[in-house]
Amino acid sequence: MPFGRRRNRIDRSLRERGVPPEPQVREREETATNGPWDEADAPEDGRPRVDLGALRLPALPGMELRVDVNAQQKVVGASLRAGDSLLQLSVFAAPRAGGLWDDVRAELARGASGQGGRLTEVDGPFGPELVGSILVAAPPQAGETGAPKPVRRAARFLGVDGPRWFLRGMISGSAAATPEAAAPLEAAFRSVVVVRGPEPMPVREQLPLTLPPQAAQQVARRQAAGQAARPVARRPAAPAAPPTTPPAAPPTTPPAASPVTPPTEPGTAG
């Protein structure tokens, strides 16, 4: 979909010389895109996509789709894994004028620097992006006591401003450093379709994600089996509030990740 702003141009020198100007022509500065897509301009490519509400993610061979689900079965994130590389996706409400990625990019760079990471702005296949490393908590080891020490991970942050939405992707693993490994995840990012919806939302609020019915049933069965295998916690868990700003790094203790079975028929969710 072409994204851009309208601009008026009038030849002032002609007006100053008393020459009537030609009828005003509205020109639109626009940049064509071949993905990611807004729902209104999604291609009819026959590619199956998994419907997660605000995101429709491609089902690609050799790639695993996982969703992060909290205790209330609320989807709080989605990711695509290819080998040892991961693409984490988040989508947020944005102003009509766009330009949110410029601000978020600067905030991510400052946040990473303050936490001991290093991110540098470069020109990538989707426009400006951040490349470098971030510090994340290492997985706890058996018998280890105390908080795990942070480890440095290579990372790339991608961002796309759409009509009233902002899509952010974080690539980690070998794909963050090797173009060959990044190609499948870049293709997946390009195939994402965003469904903004008509509801007014605060800028930077995360757009709602949902599980497909079949996947929701699978998660419910897993949670029921887990509760039957251990005592039920008596203290209710507080519901997780959606982030109001795109976080600078993945959470150190992520919610449970559940695989999602992609649709088998082309266009099932796309």
Protein backbone atom coordinates (compact mmCIF):
# COMPACT_ATOMS: atom_id res chain seq x y z
CA MET A 1 0.00 0.00 0.00
CA PRO A 2 1.39 3.46 -0.77
CA PHE A 3 1.93 5.40 2.43
CA GLY A 4 2.63 9.13 2.39
CA ARG A 5 1.47 12.67 2.94
CA ARG A 6 -0.22 15.13 0.61
CA ARG A 7 1.62 18.31 -0.25
CA ASN A 8 0.61 21.42 -2.16
CA ARG A 9 2.96 23.17 -4.55
CA ILE A 10 2.35 26.66 -5.93
CA ASP A 11 4.86 28.60 -8.01
CA ARG A 12 5.15 31.79 -5.95
CA SER A 13 7.36 33.55 -8.53
CA LEU A 14 4.54 33.51 -11.08
CA ARG A 15 2.10 34.92 -8.56
CA GLU A 16 4.51 37.71 -7.63
CA ARG A 17 4.84 38.69 -11.32
CA GLY A 18 1.06 38.88 -11.65
CA VAL A 19 0.75 35.73 -13.72
CA PRO A 20 -2.30 33.71 -12.69
CA PRO A 21 -1.12 30.37 -11.38
CA GLU A 22 -2.28 27.18 -12.96
CA PRO A 23 -4.91 25.22 -11.09
CA GLN A 24 -3.42 23.86 -7.89
CA VAL A 25 -2.35 20.25 -8.19
CA ARG A 26 -2.24 18.06 -5.14
CA GLU A 27 0.75 15.80 -5.26
CA ARG A 28 1.15 12.89 -2.95
CA GLU A 29 4.54 11.81 -1.77
CA GLU A 30 4.24 8.09 -1.58
CA THR A 31 6.45 5.08 -1.25
CA ALA A 32 5.26 1.84 -2.76
CA THR A 33 5.55 -1.24 -0.57
CA ASN A 34 5.54 -4.95 -1.22
CA GLY A 35 4.87 -5.81 2.40
CA PRO A 36 4.11 -5.86 5.25
CA TRP A 37 0.52 -5.16 4.30
CA ASP A 38 -2.52 -3.42 5.61
CA GLU A 39 -5.70 -5.50 5.53
CA ALA A 40 -7.19 -3.21 2.88
CA ASP A 41 -4.30 -3.89 0.48
CA ALA A 42 -3.38 -7.48 1.34
CA PRO A 43 -2.31 -9.41 -1.78
CA GLU A 44 -4.36 -12.29 -3.09
CA ASP A 45 -1.32 -14.55 -3.18
CA GLY A 46 -3.08 -17.74 -2.04
CA ARG A 47 -0.67 -18.01 0.90
CA PRO A 48 -2.23 -19.48 4.05
CA ARG A 49 -2.05 -17.17 7.04
CA VAL A 50 -2.85 -17.77 10.70
CA ASP A 51 -5.41 -15.29 12.01
CA LEU A 52 -4.30 -13.84 15.35
CA GLY A 53 -6.70 -10.92 15.31
CA ALA A 54 -4.61 -7.82 14.63
CA LEU A 55 -1.97 -9.94 12.89
CA ARG A 56 -2.25 -12.51 10.13
CA LEU A 57 1.02 -14.37 9.98
CA PRO A 58 2.19 -16.49 7.04
CA ALA A 59 2.40 -20.26 7.36
CA LEU A 60 5.73 -21.01 5.65
CA PRO A 61 7.43 -24.40 5.19
CA GLY A 62 10.14 -25.09 7.75
CA MET A 63 9.02 -22.24 10.00
CA GLU A 64 7.32 -22.62 13.37
CA LEU A 65 4.75 -20.14 14.61
CA ARG A 66 4.47 -19.71 18.36
CA VAL A 67 2.30 -17.42 20.45
CA ASP A 68 2.98 -16.15 23.96
CA VAL A 69 -0.05 -16.73 26.16
CA ASN A 70 -0.45 -15.58 29.77
CA ALA A 71 -2.37 -17.35 32.53
CA GLN A 72 -5.63 -15.82 31.34
CA GLN A 73 -5.10 -17.31 27.85
CA LYS A 74 -4.52 -13.85 26.48
CA VAL A 75 -2.10 -13.63 23.58
CA VAL A 76 0.63 -11.14 24.45
CA GLY A 77 3.03 -11.81 21.57
CA ALA A 78 3.82 -13.92 18.53
CA SER A 79 7.02 -15.21 16.97
CA LEU A 80 8.24 -17.17 13.98
CA ARG A 81 11.21 -19.52 14.35
CA ALA A 82 13.46 -20.72 11.54
CA GLY A 83 16.28 -22.93 12.77
CA ASP A 84 18.12 -21.11 15.55
CA SER A 85 16.70 -17.71 14.54
CA LEU A 86 13.60 -16.00 15.84
CA LEU A 87 11.38 -13.17 14.61
CA GLN A 88 9.30 -11.62 17.40
CA LEU A 89 6.37 -9.48 16.28
CA SER A 90 4.43 -6.70 17.98
CA VAL A 91 1.84 -4.33 16.53
CA PHE A 92 0.67 -1.04 18.03
CA ALA A 93 -1.82 1.73 17.40
CA ALA A 94 -0.23 4.73 15.70
CA PRO A 95 -1.23 8.28 14.76
CA ARG A 96 -2.79 8.95 11.38
CA ALA A 97 0.24 11.01 10.37
CA GLY A 98 2.54 8.01 10.92
CA GLY A 99 6.19 8.44 11.78
CA LEU A 100 6.09 6.44 15.02
CA TRP A 101 9.08 4.32 13.99
CA ASP A 102 11.36 7.37 14.06
CA ASP A 103 10.60 7.96 17.74
CA VAL A 104 10.62 4.30 18.72
CA ARG A 105 13.93 3.72 16.95
CA ALA A 106 15.62 6.43 18.99
CA GLU A 107 14.08 5.10 22.22
CA LEU A 108 15.23 1.55 21.48
CA ALA A 109 18.79 2.69 20.84
CA ARG A 110 18.88 4.71 24.07
CA GLY A 111 17.33 1.89 26.07
CA ALA A 112 19.75 -0.70 24.77
CA SER A 113 22.71 1.57 25.50
CA GLY A 114 21.51 2.16 29.05
CA GLN A 115 21.31 -1.60 29.62
CA GLY A 116 24.76 -2.34 28.23
CA GLY A 117 23.69 -3.15 24.65
CA ARG A 118 24.75 -1.55 21.40
CA LEU A 119 22.41 -0.72 18.53
CA THR A 120 23.36 1.17 15.38
CA GLU A 121 21.00 2.57 12.77
CA VAL A 122 21.48 1.22 9.25
CA ASP A 123 19.46 1.18 6.04
CA GLY A 124 17.80 -2.21 5.63
CA PRO A 125 15.31 -3.86 3.27
CA PHE A 126 12.38 -2.21 5.09
CA GLY A 127 14.01 1.18 5.56
CA PRO A 128 15.89 2.37 8.65
CA GLU A 129 16.52 -0.36 11.20
CA LEU A 130 18.68 -1.03 14.25
CA VAL A 131 21.44 -3.64 14.29
CA GLY A 132 23.71 -4.70 17.11
CA SER A 133 23.38 -6.54 20.40
CA ILE A 134 21.21 -6.47 23.51
CA LEU A 135 21.56 -8.01 26.95
CA VAL A 136 18.97 -10.60 27.95
CA ALA A 137 18.67 -12.88 30.96
CA ALA A 138 20.11 -16.34 30.38
CA PRO A 139 17.79 -19.33 30.98
CA PRO A 140 18.15 -20.63 34.56
CA GLN A 141 20.36 -23.68 34.89
CA ALA A 142 19.66 -26.69 37.09
CA GLY A 143 20.98 -26.12 40.60
CA GLU A 144 21.71 -22.46 39.93
CA THR A 145 20.81 -20.03 42.68
CA GLY A 146 20.22 -16.32 42.36
CA ALA A 147 19.33 -14.29 39.32
CA PRO A 148 20.86 -15.52 36.05
CA LYS A 149 23.55 -13.32 34.57
CA PRO A 150 22.62 -11.46 31.40
CA VAL A 151 24.13 -12.60 28.13
CA ARG A 152 24.75 -10.63 24.97
CA ARG A 153 22.62 -11.54 21.94
CA ALA A 154 22.80 -10.27 18.38
CA ALA A 155 19.58 -8.48 17.41
CA ARG A 156 17.92 -6.52 14.61
CA PHE A 157 14.91 -4.27 15.08
CA LEU A 158 12.64 -3.70 12.07
CA GLY A 159 9.82 -1.18 11.95
CA VAL A 160 7.07 -0.28 9.50
CA ASP A 161 4.59 2.59 9.81
CA GLY A 162 1.20 1.72 8.33
CA PRO A 163 -2.19 3.46 8.29
CA ARG A 164 -2.88 3.98 12.00
CA TRP A 165 -0.63 1.08 12.98
CA PHE A 166 3.03 0.41 13.66
CA LEU A 167 4.56 -3.04 13.21
CA ARG A 168 7.80 -3.91 14.94
CA GLY A 169 9.90 -7.01 14.50
CA MET A 170 12.95 -8.19 16.41
CA ILE A 171 15.23 -10.75 14.79
CA SER A 172 17.61 -12.69 17.01
CA GLY A 173 19.92 -15.66 16.52
CA SER A 174 22.13 -16.19 13.48
CA ALA A 175 19.66 -14.27 11.29
CA ALA A 176 20.60 -11.09 13.16
CA ALA A 177 24.16 -11.35 11.83
CA THR A 178 23.99 -13.40 8.62
CA PRO A 179 22.05 -12.24 5.54
CA GLU A 180 21.55 -15.80 4.32
CA ALA A 181 19.94 -16.85 7.60
CA ALA A 182 17.87 -13.66 7.70
CA ALA A 183 16.27 -14.17 4.27
CA PRO A 184 13.44 -16.54 5.39
CA LEU A 185 12.45 -14.32 8.33
CA GLU A 186 12.60 -11.19 6.21
CA ALA A 187 10.28 -12.88 3.71
CA ALA A 188 7.92 -13.79 6.55
CA PHE A 189 7.95 -10.22 7.87
CA ARG A 190 7.14 -8.97 4.39
CA SER A 191 4.11 -11.31 4.23
CA VAL A 192 2.53 -10.11 7.48
CA VAL A 193 -0.94 -8.58 7.20
CA VAL A 194 -2.07 -6.08 9.86
CA VAL A 195 -5.75 -5.70 10.77
CA ARG A 196 -6.02 -2.34 12.54
CA GLY A 197 -9.79 -2.29 13.07
CA PRO A 198 -11.97 0.84 13.31
CA GLU A 199 -11.86 1.28 17.09
CA PRO A 200 -10.04 4.37 18.40
CA MET A 201 -7.05 3.43 20.54
CA PRO A 202 -4.34 5.38 22.36
CA VAL A 203 -1.15 5.76 20.37
CA ARG A 204 1.38 3.00 21.20
CA GLU A 205 -1.21 0.73 22.76
CA GLN A 206 -0.76 -2.84 21.60
CA LEU A 207 -3.41 -4.01 19.15
CA PRO A 208 -5.40 -6.98 20.48
CA LEU A 209 -4.20 -10.45 19.51
CA THR A 210 -6.31 -13.59 19.74
CA LEU A 211 -5.87 -17.31 19.27
CA PRO A 212 -7.59 -19.21 16.46
CA PRO A 213 -10.39 -21.38 17.94
CA GLN A 214 -8.52 -24.67 17.42
CA ALA A 215 -5.33 -23.33 19.02
CA ALA A 216 -7.32 -21.86 21.92
CA GLN A 217 -8.78 -25.30 22.62
CA GLN A 218 -5.29 -26.83 22.55
CA VAL A 219 -3.99 -24.26 25.05
CA ALA A 220 -7.00 -24.80 27.31
CA ARG A 221 -6.39 -28.57 27.32
CA ARG A 222 -2.70 -28.09 28.15
CA GLN A 223 -3.50 -25.72 30.98
CA ALA A 224 -6.18 -28.05 32.33
CA ALA A 225 -3.73 -30.98 32.24
CA GLY A 226 -1.09 -28.91 34.01
CA GLN A 227 -3.50 -27.83 36.74
CA ALA A 228 -4.57 -31.43 37.31
CA ALA A 229 -0.95 -32.50 37.71
CA ARG A 230 -0.11 -29.94 40.43
CA PRO A 231 -1.93 -28.20 43.29
CA VAL A 232 -4.08 -25.30 42.25
CA ALA A 233 -2.66 -21.93 43.23
CA ARG A 234 -4.93 -20.22 45.75
CA ARG A 235 -3.79 -16.69 44.99
CA PRO A 236 -5.36 -15.38 41.78
CA ALA A 237 -2.98 -13.94 39.26
CA ALA A 238 -3.42 -10.29 38.36
CA PRO A 239 -4.33 -9.72 34.72
CA ALA A 240 -1.45 -8.48 32.61
CA ALA A 241 -1.83 -4.93 31.34
CA PRO A 242 -0.99 -4.31 27.69
CA PRO A 243 2.22 -2.34 27.12
CA THR A 244 1.69 1.32 26.35
CA THR A 245 5.02 1.65 24.59
CA PRO A 246 7.04 -0.78 22.48
CA PRO A 247 9.54 -2.40 24.90
CA ALA A 248 13.23 -2.06 24.20
CA ALA A 249 13.96 -5.75 24.71
CA PRO A 250 12.06 -9.01 25.16
CA PRO A 251 10.88 -9.73 28.71
CA THR A 252 13.35 -11.66 30.86
CA THR A 253 10.59 -14.04 31.96
CA PRO A 254 8.32 -14.53 28.94
CA PRO A 255 4.86 -16.06 29.16
CA ALA A 256 4.36 -19.64 28.08
CA ALA A 257 4.84 -20.15 24.36
CA SER A 258 2.45 -22.42 22.51
CA PRO A 259 2.89 -23.68 18.95
CA VAL A 260 0.10 -22.97 16.50
CA THR A 261 -0.80 -25.39 13.75
CA PRO A 262 -0.99 -23.45 10.46
CA PRO A 263 -4.03 -23.76 8.21
CA THR A 264 -3.81 -26.36 5.47
CA GLU A 265 -6.04 -24.67 2.91
CA PRO A 266 -4.77 -21.57 1.07
CA GLY A 267 -6.48 -18.41 2.20
CA THR A 268 -8.01 -19.99 5.31
CA ALA A 269 -7.11 -17.00 7.44
CA GLY A 270 -5.73 -14.57 4.92
